[in-house]
Amino acid sequence: MALFRYYKDQEVKILDNSKELIIHTHIPKTGGMTLRSIVNKNYDKEKMLTNVFSSSVSKFKKDIQEKTDIEFVTGHHPFGLHEYTNRPCAYITMLRDPIERVISMYYYNLRKENHPLHKKVKQLTFEEFINDKGLSRRTINRQTQKIVGSLNPREDDLQKAKNILSKHYKVVGITEMFDESIFLMKKELGWQDISYERKNYTADRPTREQFSNEIIERIKELNHIDMQLYKWAKRNLMERLEALDSSTKQELENFLNRNKK
């Protein structure tokens, strides 16, 4: 709501900073670009900060202090941006089955020639990719990394990640339950339009069933913290959906069935 103050017949607009700033923790290959396309329909472009990366936090700090009408922030940054503003903040994010995320990441980097990792990845088999120590921060417990802000999460960081998600995140979506996730975001954040087309989708990549059991088990081993965090978040999402009242459940059902004949 716009606020006004009067000084000697001059009407001066005072910015209302009581509105909650929504921060999207965009974890790579979790459906973030598709989510961004939905966000773009629900916020004015001038009131968004996009592409906020870990390396650009200092710029974010400057921008958020100067652009006091910002309503939505998104980027591949870790949790914690709320510490740079006095405004009330809330987060959203999407988590993905770690096996699917790692497979998707390899084939996305392999086929996207302008991606910074393309030259390196195209020289690696998938098995070499998941075991490459130089890529470990991108392939090992990447989702927990972004939530706790550590490149090398430890076992006790699992509980820390759960605590952060429970306390600060309005919605922790699940990529494999994308429609249900954005429906909850709509309800929580007052979005009007959540229609979408898939973005950044890696088509024609092998399914997990086409990989050997040994490789799948290796991904699980390397991402054992992410595996537990994902299962916990998915269970919470399902419980949250089950707790919806009957009219909201019907609204969700209608949304899920929107393209079915």
C-alpha atoms as a PDB file:
ATOM      1  CA  MET A   1       0.000   0.000   0.000  1.00  0.00           C
ATOM      2  CA  ALA A   2       1.366   3.429  -0.922  1.00  0.00           C
ATOM      3  CA  LEU A   3       1.963   5.780   2.012  1.00  0.00           C
ATOM      4  CA  PHE A   4       2.068   9.545   1.717  1.00  0.00           C
ATOM      5  CA  ARG A   5       3.386  12.385   3.867  1.00  0.00           C
ATOM      6  CA  TYR A   6       2.747  16.070   3.321  1.00  0.00           C
ATOM      7  CA  TYR A   7       5.355  18.796   3.521  1.00  0.00           C
ATOM      8  CA  LYS A   8       4.139  22.378   2.868  1.00  0.00           C
ATOM      9  CA  ASP A   9       1.585  21.443   0.215  1.00  0.00           C
ATOM     10  CA  GLN A  10       3.898  18.853  -1.349  1.00  0.00           C
ATOM     11  CA  GLU A  11       2.741  15.270  -1.459  1.00  0.00           C
ATOM     12  CA  VAL A  12       5.712  12.942  -0.977  1.00  0.00           C
ATOM     13  CA  LYS A  13       5.371   9.177  -1.459  1.00  0.00           C
ATOM     14  CA  ILE A  14       6.873   7.119   1.342  1.00  0.00           C
ATOM     15  CA  LEU A  15       7.826   3.564   0.428  1.00  0.00           C
ATOM     16  CA  ASP A  16       6.099   0.865   2.465  1.00  0.00           C
ATOM     17  CA  ASN A  17       8.809  -1.550   3.565  1.00  0.00           C
ATOM     18  CA  SER A  18       6.499  -3.679   5.660  1.00  0.00           C
ATOM     19  CA  LYS A  19       5.696  -5.949   2.703  1.00  0.00           C
ATOM     20  CA  GLU A  20       7.496  -9.258   2.882  1.00  0.00           C
ATOM     21  CA  LEU A  21      10.403  -9.703   0.504  1.00  0.00           C
ATOM     22  CA  ILE A  22      10.276 -13.130  -1.149  1.00  0.00           C
ATOM     23  CA  ILE A  23      13.634 -14.789  -1.837  1.00  0.00           C
ATOM     24  CA  HIS A  24      13.885 -17.790  -4.173  1.00  0.00           C
ATOM     25  CA  THR A  25      16.854 -20.057  -3.501  1.00  0.00           C
ATOM     26  CA  HIS A  26      17.361 -21.394  -7.022  1.00  0.00           C
ATOM     27  CA  ILE A  27      19.159 -24.711  -6.773  1.00  0.00           C
ATOM     28  CA  PRO A  28      20.461 -25.718 -10.238  1.00  0.00           C
ATOM     29  CA  LYS A  29      18.426 -28.292 -12.192  1.00  0.00           C
ATOM     30  CA  THR A  30      15.396 -28.318  -9.911  1.00  0.00           C
ATOM     31  CA  GLY A  31      12.934 -26.594 -12.247  1.00  0.00           C
ATOM     32  CA  GLY A  32      13.999 -23.092 -11.284  1.00  0.00           C
ATOM     33  CA  MET A  33      13.735 -21.542 -14.744  1.00  0.00           C
ATOM     34  CA  THR A  34      10.194 -22.797 -15.162  1.00  0.00           C
ATOM     35  CA  LEU A  35       9.403 -21.370 -11.747  1.00  0.00           C
ATOM     36  CA  ARG A  36      11.004 -18.099 -12.843  1.00  0.00           C
ATOM     37  CA  SER A  37       8.637 -17.925 -15.807  1.00  0.00           C
ATOM     38  CA  ILE A  38       5.712 -18.135 -13.372  1.00  0.00           C
ATOM     39  CA  VAL A  39       7.240 -15.534 -11.077  1.00  0.00           C
ATOM     40  CA  ASN A  40       7.616 -13.159 -14.032  1.00  0.00           C
ATOM     41  CA  LYS A  41       3.840 -13.202 -14.468  1.00  0.00           C
ATOM     42  CA  ASN A  42       3.192 -12.235 -10.886  1.00  0.00           C
ATOM     43  CA  TYR A  43       5.701  -9.460 -10.192  1.00  0.00           C
ATOM     44  CA  ASP A  44       6.605  -6.261 -11.998  1.00  0.00           C
ATOM     45  CA  LYS A  45       9.993  -6.589 -13.662  1.00  0.00           C
ATOM     46  CA  GLU A  46      11.194  -3.414 -11.949  1.00  0.00           C
ATOM     47  CA  LYS A  47      10.417  -4.938  -8.555  1.00  0.00           C
ATOM     48  CA  MET A  48      12.573  -8.033  -9.036  1.00  0.00           C
ATOM     49  CA  LEU A  49      16.261  -8.759  -8.560  1.00  0.00           C
ATOM     50  CA  THR A  50      17.362 -11.710 -10.695  1.00  0.00           C
ATOM     51  CA  ASN A  51      20.541 -13.708 -11.233  1.00  0.00           C
ATOM     52  CA  VAL A  52      21.865 -13.120  -7.728  1.00  0.00           C
ATOM     53  CA  PHE A  53      24.865 -15.449  -7.389  1.00  0.00           C
ATOM     54  CA  SER A  54      27.165 -16.239  -4.493  1.00  0.00           C
ATOM     55  CA  SER A  55      29.827 -14.085  -6.150  1.00  0.00           C
ATOM     56  CA  SER A  56      27.492 -11.079  -6.428  1.00  0.00           C
ATOM     57  CA  VAL A  57      26.207 -10.841  -2.851  1.00  0.00           C
ATOM     58  CA  SER A  58      27.963  -7.489  -2.371  1.00  0.00           C
ATOM     59  CA  LYS A  59      26.088  -6.123  -5.389  1.00  0.00           C
ATOM     60  CA  PHE A  60      22.843  -7.519  -3.975  1.00  0.00           C
ATOM     61  CA  LYS A  61      23.502  -5.759  -0.683  1.00  0.00           C
ATOM     62  CA  LYS A  62      23.900  -2.457  -2.532  1.00  0.00           C
ATOM     63  CA  ASP A  63      20.864  -3.044  -4.762  1.00  0.00           C
ATOM     64  CA  ILE A  64      18.509  -4.063  -1.975  1.00  0.00           C
ATOM     65  CA  GLN A  65      19.428  -0.947  -0.030  1.00  0.00           C
ATOM     66  CA  GLU A  66      18.929   1.374  -2.992  1.00  0.00           C
ATOM     67  CA  LYS A  67      15.895  -0.288  -4.612  1.00  0.00           C
ATOM     68  CA  THR A  68      13.589  -0.332  -1.619  1.00  0.00           C
ATOM     69  CA  ASP A  69      10.503  -1.382  -3.601  1.00  0.00           C
ATOM     70  CA  ILE A  70      11.934  -4.809  -4.574  1.00  0.00           C
ATOM     71  CA  GLU A  71       9.412  -7.610  -3.956  1.00  0.00           C
ATOM     72  CA  PHE A  72      11.141 -10.748  -5.280  1.00  0.00           C
ATOM     73  CA  VAL A  73      14.746 -11.962  -5.442  1.00  0.00           C
ATOM     74  CA  THR A  74      16.045 -15.042  -7.248  1.00  0.00           C
ATOM     75  CA  GLY A  75      19.400 -16.568  -8.144  1.00  0.00           C
ATOM     76  CA  HIS A  76      21.879 -19.369  -7.453  1.00  0.00           C
ATOM     77  CA  HIS A  77      22.741 -17.907  -4.072  1.00  0.00           C
ATOM     78  CA  PRO A  78      22.785 -19.782  -0.762  1.00  0.00           C
ATOM     79  CA  PHE A  79      20.327 -19.114   2.033  1.00  0.00           C
ATOM     80  CA  GLY A  80      21.064 -15.973   4.030  1.00  0.00           C
ATOM     81  CA  LEU A  81      20.277 -12.936   1.879  1.00  0.00           C
ATOM     82  CA  HIS A  82      17.768 -11.723   4.472  1.00  0.00           C
ATOM     83  CA  GLU A  83      20.726 -10.721   6.622  1.00  0.00           C
ATOM     84  CA  TYR A  84      21.446  -7.817   4.257  1.00  0.00           C
ATOM     85  CA  THR A  85      18.119  -6.036   4.706  1.00  0.00           C
ATOM     86  CA  ASN A  86      15.947  -4.891   7.585  1.00  0.00           C
ATOM     87  CA  ARG A  87      12.806  -5.841   5.697  1.00  0.00           C
ATOM     88  CA  PRO A  88      10.765  -8.920   6.674  1.00  0.00           C
ATOM     89  CA  CYS A  89      11.773 -11.788   4.369  1.00  0.00           C
ATOM     90  CA  ALA A  90      10.550 -15.254   3.490  1.00  0.00           C
ATOM     91  CA  TYR A  91      12.047 -17.882   1.208  1.00  0.00           C
ATOM     92  CA  ILE A  92      10.877 -20.457  -1.309  1.00  0.00           C
ATOM     93  CA  THR A  93      12.820 -23.203  -3.068  1.00  0.00           C
ATOM     94  CA  MET A  94      12.489 -26.460  -4.968  1.00  0.00           C
ATOM     95  CA  LEU A  95      14.280 -29.702  -4.117  1.00  0.00           C
ATOM     96  CA  ARG A  96      14.703 -32.595  -6.539  1.00  0.00           C
ATOM     97  CA  ASP A  97      15.465 -36.293  -6.317  1.00  0.00           C
ATOM     98  CA  PRO A  98      19.285 -36.113  -6.162  1.00  0.00           C
ATOM     99  CA  ILE A  99      19.693 -38.950  -8.672  1.00  0.00           C
ATOM    100  CA  GLU A 100      17.524 -37.158 -11.229  1.00  0.00           C
ATOM    101  CA  ARG A 101      19.221 -33.835 -10.536  1.00  0.00           C
ATOM    102  CA  VAL A 102      22.737 -35.186 -11.139  1.00  0.00           C
ATOM    103  CA  ILE A 103      21.702 -37.012 -14.339  1.00  0.00           C
ATOM    104  CA  SER A 104      19.947 -33.892 -15.610  1.00  0.00           C
ATOM    105  CA  MET A 105      22.936 -31.713 -14.802  1.00  0.00           C
ATOM    106  CA  TYR A 106      25.353 -33.883 -16.767  1.00  0.00           C
ATOM    107  CA  TYR A 107      23.256 -33.981 -19.942  1.00  0.00           C
ATOM    108  CA  TYR A 108      22.326 -30.322 -19.695  1.00  0.00           C
ATOM    109  CA  ASN A 109      25.982 -29.283 -19.460  1.00  0.00           C
ATOM    110  CA  LEU A 110      26.931 -31.789 -22.158  1.00  0.00           C
ATOM    111  CA  ARG A 111      24.461 -30.396 -24.711  1.00  0.00           C
ATOM    112  CA  LYS A 112      24.509 -26.692 -23.861  1.00  0.00           C
ATOM    113  CA  GLU A 113      27.572 -25.511 -25.744  1.00  0.00           C
ATOM    114  CA  ASN A 114      27.625 -22.036 -24.195  1.00  0.00           C
ATOM    115  CA  HIS A 115      27.568 -23.383 -20.640  1.00  0.00           C
ATOM    116  CA  PRO A 116      30.836 -22.718 -18.724  1.00  0.00           C
ATOM    117  CA  LEU A 117      31.200 -26.426 -17.929  1.00  0.00           C
ATOM    118  CA  HIS A 118      30.488 -27.715 -21.426  1.00  0.00           C
ATOM    119  CA  LYS A 119      34.093 -28.086 -22.575  1.00  0.00           C
ATOM    120  CA  LYS A 120      35.037 -30.068 -19.498  1.00  0.00           C
ATOM    121  CA  VAL A 121      31.912 -32.201 -19.304  1.00  0.00           C
ATOM    122  CA  LYS A 122      32.021 -33.263 -22.945  1.00  0.00           C
ATOM    123  CA  GLN A 123      35.356 -34.949 -22.219  1.00  0.00           C
ATOM    124  CA  LEU A 124      33.893 -37.024 -19.389  1.00  0.00           C
ATOM    125  CA  THR A 125      31.730 -40.106 -19.288  1.00  0.00           C
ATOM    126  CA  PHE A 126      28.858 -39.918 -16.852  1.00  0.00           C
ATOM    127  CA  GLU A 127      30.725 -42.092 -14.361  1.00  0.00           C
ATOM    128  CA  GLU A 128      33.786 -39.850 -14.631  1.00  0.00           C
ATOM    129  CA  PHE A 129      31.529 -36.824 -14.181  1.00  0.00           C
ATOM    130  CA  ILE A 130      30.049 -37.959 -10.864  1.00  0.00           C
ATOM    131  CA  ASN A 131      33.487 -38.918  -9.522  1.00  0.00           C
ATOM    132  CA  ASP A 132      35.366 -35.834 -10.716  1.00  0.00           C
ATOM    133  CA  LYS A 133      36.717 -34.052  -7.617  1.00  0.00           C
ATOM    134  CA  GLY A 134      36.886 -30.749  -9.480  1.00  0.00           C
ATOM    135  CA  LEU A 135      33.116 -30.856  -9.962  1.00  0.00           C
ATOM    136  CA  SER A 136      32.267 -32.155  -6.497  1.00  0.00           C
ATOM    137  CA  ARG A 137      30.697 -28.941  -5.232  1.00  0.00           C
ATOM    138  CA  ARG A 138      28.232 -29.141  -8.123  1.00  0.00           C
ATOM    139  CA  THR A 139      27.481 -32.840  -7.909  1.00  0.00           C
ATOM    140  CA  ILE A 140      27.756 -33.806  -4.228  1.00  0.00           C
ATOM    141  CA  ASN A 141      25.017 -32.741  -1.789  1.00  0.00           C
ATOM    142  CA  ARG A 142      24.502 -29.575  -3.819  1.00  0.00           C
ATOM    143  CA  GLN A 143      21.035 -28.971  -2.398  1.00  0.00           C
ATOM    144  CA  THR A 144      22.163 -29.115   1.210  1.00  0.00           C
ATOM    145  CA  GLN A 145      25.077 -26.857   0.259  1.00  0.00           C
ATOM    146  CA  LYS A 146      22.703 -24.108  -0.832  1.00  0.00           C
ATOM    147  CA  ILE A 147      20.577 -24.315   2.293  1.00  0.00           C
ATOM    148  CA  VAL A 148      23.341 -24.378   4.915  1.00  0.00           C
ATOM    149  CA  GLY A 149      25.837 -22.245   2.971  1.00  0.00           C
ATOM    150  CA  SER A 150      28.678 -24.765   3.062  1.00  0.00           C
ATOM    151  CA  LEU A 151      30.472 -26.321   0.097  1.00  0.00           C
ATOM    152  CA  ASN A 152      31.215 -29.446   2.128  1.00  0.00           C
ATOM    153  CA  PRO A 153      28.157 -30.336   4.210  1.00  0.00           C
ATOM    154  CA  ARG A 154      28.728 -32.627   7.173  1.00  0.00           C
ATOM    155  CA  GLU A 155      26.343 -35.105   8.734  1.00  0.00           C
ATOM    156  CA  ASP A 156      25.133 -32.594  11.315  1.00  0.00           C
ATOM    157  CA  ASP A 157      24.282 -30.146   8.525  1.00  0.00           C
ATOM    158  CA  LEU A 158      21.256 -32.290   7.662  1.00  0.00           C
ATOM    159  CA  GLN A 159      19.450 -31.197  10.819  1.00  0.00           C
ATOM    160  CA  LYS A 160      20.651 -27.638  10.279  1.00  0.00           C
ATOM    161  CA  ALA A 161      19.143 -27.666   6.768  1.00  0.00           C
ATOM    162  CA  LYS A 162      15.843 -29.025   8.088  1.00  0.00           C
ATOM    163  CA  ASN A 163      15.733 -26.302  10.732  1.00  0.00           C
ATOM    164  CA  ILE A 164      16.393 -23.567   8.182  1.00  0.00           C
ATOM    165  CA  LEU A 165      13.757 -24.860   5.773  1.00  0.00           C
ATOM    166  CA  SER A 166      11.197 -25.205   8.564  1.00  0.00           C
ATOM    167  CA  LYS A 167      11.807 -21.746   9.987  1.00  0.00           C
ATOM    168  CA  HIS A 168      12.417 -19.542   6.960  1.00  0.00           C
ATOM    169  CA  TYR A 169      10.755 -21.128   3.904  1.00  0.00           C
ATOM    170  CA  LYS A 170       7.076 -20.557   3.137  1.00  0.00           C
ATOM    171  CA  VAL A 171       7.129 -23.373   0.589  1.00  0.00           C
ATOM    172  CA  VAL A 172       9.736 -26.080  -0.011  1.00  0.00           C
ATOM    173  CA  GLY A 173       8.584 -27.491  -3.323  1.00  0.00           C
ATOM    174  CA  ILE A 174       9.477 -30.790  -4.926  1.00  0.00           C
ATOM    175  CA  THR A 175      10.388 -30.871  -8.617  1.00  0.00           C
ATOM    176  CA  GLU A 176       8.663 -34.221  -9.104  1.00  0.00           C
ATOM    177  CA  MET A 177       5.524 -32.601  -7.625  1.00  0.00           C
ATOM    178  CA  PHE A 178       5.931 -29.321  -9.465  1.00  0.00           C
ATOM    179  CA  ASP A 179       2.239 -28.522  -9.937  1.00  0.00           C
ATOM    180  CA  GLU A 180       1.402 -29.194  -6.307  1.00  0.00           C
ATOM    181  CA  SER A 181       4.372 -27.048  -5.262  1.00  0.00           C
ATOM    182  CA  ILE A 182       3.462 -23.995  -7.323  1.00  0.00           C
ATOM    183  CA  PHE A 183      -0.158 -24.326  -6.233  1.00  0.00           C
ATOM    184  CA  LEU A 184       0.970 -23.948  -2.608  1.00  0.00           C
ATOM    185  CA  MET A 185       3.161 -21.001  -3.608  1.00  0.00           C
ATOM    186  CA  LYS A 186       0.145 -19.373  -5.212  1.00  0.00           C
ATOM    187  CA  LYS A 187      -1.851 -19.794  -2.014  1.00  0.00           C
ATOM    188  CA  GLU A 188       0.952 -18.605   0.262  1.00  0.00           C
ATOM    189  CA  LEU A 189       2.141 -15.675  -1.843  1.00  0.00           C
ATOM    190  CA  GLY A 190      -1.081 -14.518  -3.481  1.00  0.00           C
ATOM    191  CA  TRP A 191       0.009 -15.304  -7.034  1.00  0.00           C
ATOM    192  CA  GLN A 192      -2.679 -14.941  -9.693  1.00  0.00           C
ATOM    193  CA  ASP A 193      -1.292 -16.822 -12.698  1.00  0.00           C
ATOM    194  CA  ILE A 194       0.611 -20.108 -12.339  1.00  0.00           C
ATOM    195  CA  SER A 195       0.242 -21.376 -15.901  1.00  0.00           C
ATOM    196  CA  TYR A 196       3.559 -22.366 -17.469  1.00  0.00           C
ATOM    197  CA  GLU A 197       5.564 -24.118 -20.152  1.00  0.00           C
ATOM    198  CA  ARG A 198       8.617 -26.099 -19.138  1.00  0.00           C
ATOM    199  CA  LYS A 199      11.904 -24.192 -19.401  1.00  0.00           C
ATOM    200  CA  ASN A 200      15.518 -25.445 -19.566  1.00  0.00           C
ATOM    201  CA  TYR A 201      14.223 -28.985 -19.959  1.00  0.00           C
ATOM    202  CA  THR A 202      16.852 -31.543 -20.974  1.00  0.00           C
ATOM    203  CA  ALA A 203      14.939 -33.627 -23.499  1.00  0.00           C
ATOM    204  CA  ASP A 204      15.896 -37.123 -24.633  1.00  0.00           C
ATOM    205  CA  ARG A 205      18.318 -37.767 -21.793  1.00  0.00           C
ATOM    206  CA  PRO A 206      18.617 -41.317 -20.493  1.00  0.00           C
ATOM    207  CA  THR A 207      16.355 -42.348 -17.642  1.00  0.00           C
ATOM    208  CA  ARG A 208      17.776 -43.622 -14.374  1.00  0.00           C
ATOM    209  CA  GLU A 209      16.741 -47.132 -15.378  1.00  0.00           C
ATOM    210  CA  GLN A 210      19.288 -46.982 -18.201  1.00  0.00           C
ATOM    211  CA  PHE A 211      22.175 -46.653 -15.757  1.00  0.00           C
ATOM    212  CA  SER A 212      23.761 -49.557 -13.933  1.00  0.00           C
ATOM    213  CA  ASN A 213      22.861 -50.231 -10.326  1.00  0.00           C
ATOM    214  CA  GLU A 214      26.474 -49.509  -9.420  1.00  0.00           C
ATOM    215  CA  ILE A 215      26.309 -45.976 -10.838  1.00  0.00           C
ATOM    216  CA  ILE A 216      22.955 -45.228  -9.196  1.00  0.00           C
ATOM    217  CA  GLU A 217      24.281 -46.467  -5.870  1.00  0.00           C
ATOM    218  CA  ARG A 218      27.365 -44.303  -6.318  1.00  0.00           C
ATOM    219  CA  ILE A 219      25.187 -41.190  -6.793  1.00  0.00           C
ATOM    220  CA  LYS A 220      23.250 -42.114  -3.646  1.00  0.00           C
ATOM    221  CA  GLU A 221      26.488 -42.600  -1.729  1.00  0.00           C
ATOM    222  CA  LEU A 222      27.905 -39.255  -2.814  1.00  0.00           C
ATOM    223  CA  ASN A 223      24.606 -37.469  -2.141  1.00  0.00           C
ATOM    224  CA  HIS A 224      23.515 -39.272   1.000  1.00  0.00           C
ATOM    225  CA  ILE A 225      22.741 -36.019   2.863  1.00  0.00           C
ATOM    226  CA  ASP A 226      20.723 -34.659  -0.062  1.00  0.00           C
ATOM    227  CA  MET A 227      18.861 -37.964  -0.292  1.00  0.00           C
ATOM    228  CA  GLN A 228      17.706 -37.655   3.316  1.00  0.00           C
ATOM    229  CA  LEU A 229      16.839 -33.973   2.979  1.00  0.00           C
ATOM    230  CA  TYR A 230      14.816 -34.641  -0.161  1.00  0.00           C
ATOM    231  CA  LYS A 231      12.836 -37.475   1.427  1.00  0.00           C
ATOM    232  CA  TRP A 232      12.103 -35.328   4.472  1.00  0.00           C
ATOM    233  CA  ALA A 233      10.954 -32.377   2.358  1.00  0.00           C
ATOM    234  CA  LYS A 234       8.790 -34.562   0.116  1.00  0.00           C
ATOM    235  CA  ARG A 235       7.099 -36.143   3.114  1.00  0.00           C
ATOM    236  CA  ASN A 236       6.418 -32.693   4.580  1.00  0.00           C
ATOM    237  CA  LEU A 237       4.954 -31.473   1.303  1.00  0.00           C
ATOM    238  CA  MET A 238       2.627 -34.452   1.067  1.00  0.00           C
ATOM    239  CA  GLU A 239       1.481 -33.944   4.658  1.00  0.00           C
ATOM    240  CA  ARG A 240       0.840 -30.291   3.927  1.00  0.00           C
ATOM    241  CA  LEU A 241      -1.278 -31.147   0.899  1.00  0.00           C
ATOM    242  CA  GLU A 242      -3.231 -33.698   2.887  1.00  0.00           C
ATOM    243  CA  ALA A 243      -4.017 -31.040   5.504  1.00  0.00           C
ATOM    244  CA  LEU A 244      -5.692 -28.704   2.973  1.00  0.00           C
ATOM    245  CA  ASP A 245      -9.397 -28.106   3.468  1.00  0.00           C
ATOM    246  CA  SER A 246     -11.839 -29.781   1.091  1.00  0.00           C
ATOM    247  CA  SER A 247     -12.487 -26.740  -1.112  1.00  0.00           C
ATOM    248  CA  THR A 248      -8.749 -26.073  -1.552  1.00  0.00           C
ATOM    249  CA  LYS A 249      -8.154 -29.735  -2.352  1.00  0.00           C
ATOM    250  CA  GLN A 250     -10.797 -29.489  -5.061  1.00  0.00           C
ATOM    251  CA  GLU A 251      -9.146 -26.380  -6.442  1.00  0.00           C
ATOM    252  CA  LEU A 252      -5.843 -28.246  -6.545  1.00  0.00           C
ATOM    253  CA  GLU A 253      -7.477 -31.225  -8.241  1.00  0.00           C
ATOM    254  CA  ASN A 254      -8.916 -28.939 -10.894  1.00  0.00           C
ATOM    255  CA  PHE A 255      -5.478 -27.444 -11.478  1.00  0.00           C
ATOM    256  CA  LEU A 256      -3.849 -30.865 -11.756  1.00  0.00           C
ATOM    257  CA  ASN A 257      -6.496 -32.008 -14.234  1.00  0.00           C
ATOM    258  CA  ARG A 258      -6.519 -28.801 -16.295  1.00  0.00           C
ATOM    259  CA  ASN A 259      -5.031 -30.401 -19.438  1.00  0.00           C
ATOM    260  CA  LYS A 260      -6.790 -33.736 -19.186  1.00  0.00           C
ATOM    261  CA  LYS A 261      -9.721 -34.515 -21.423  1.00  0.00           C
END
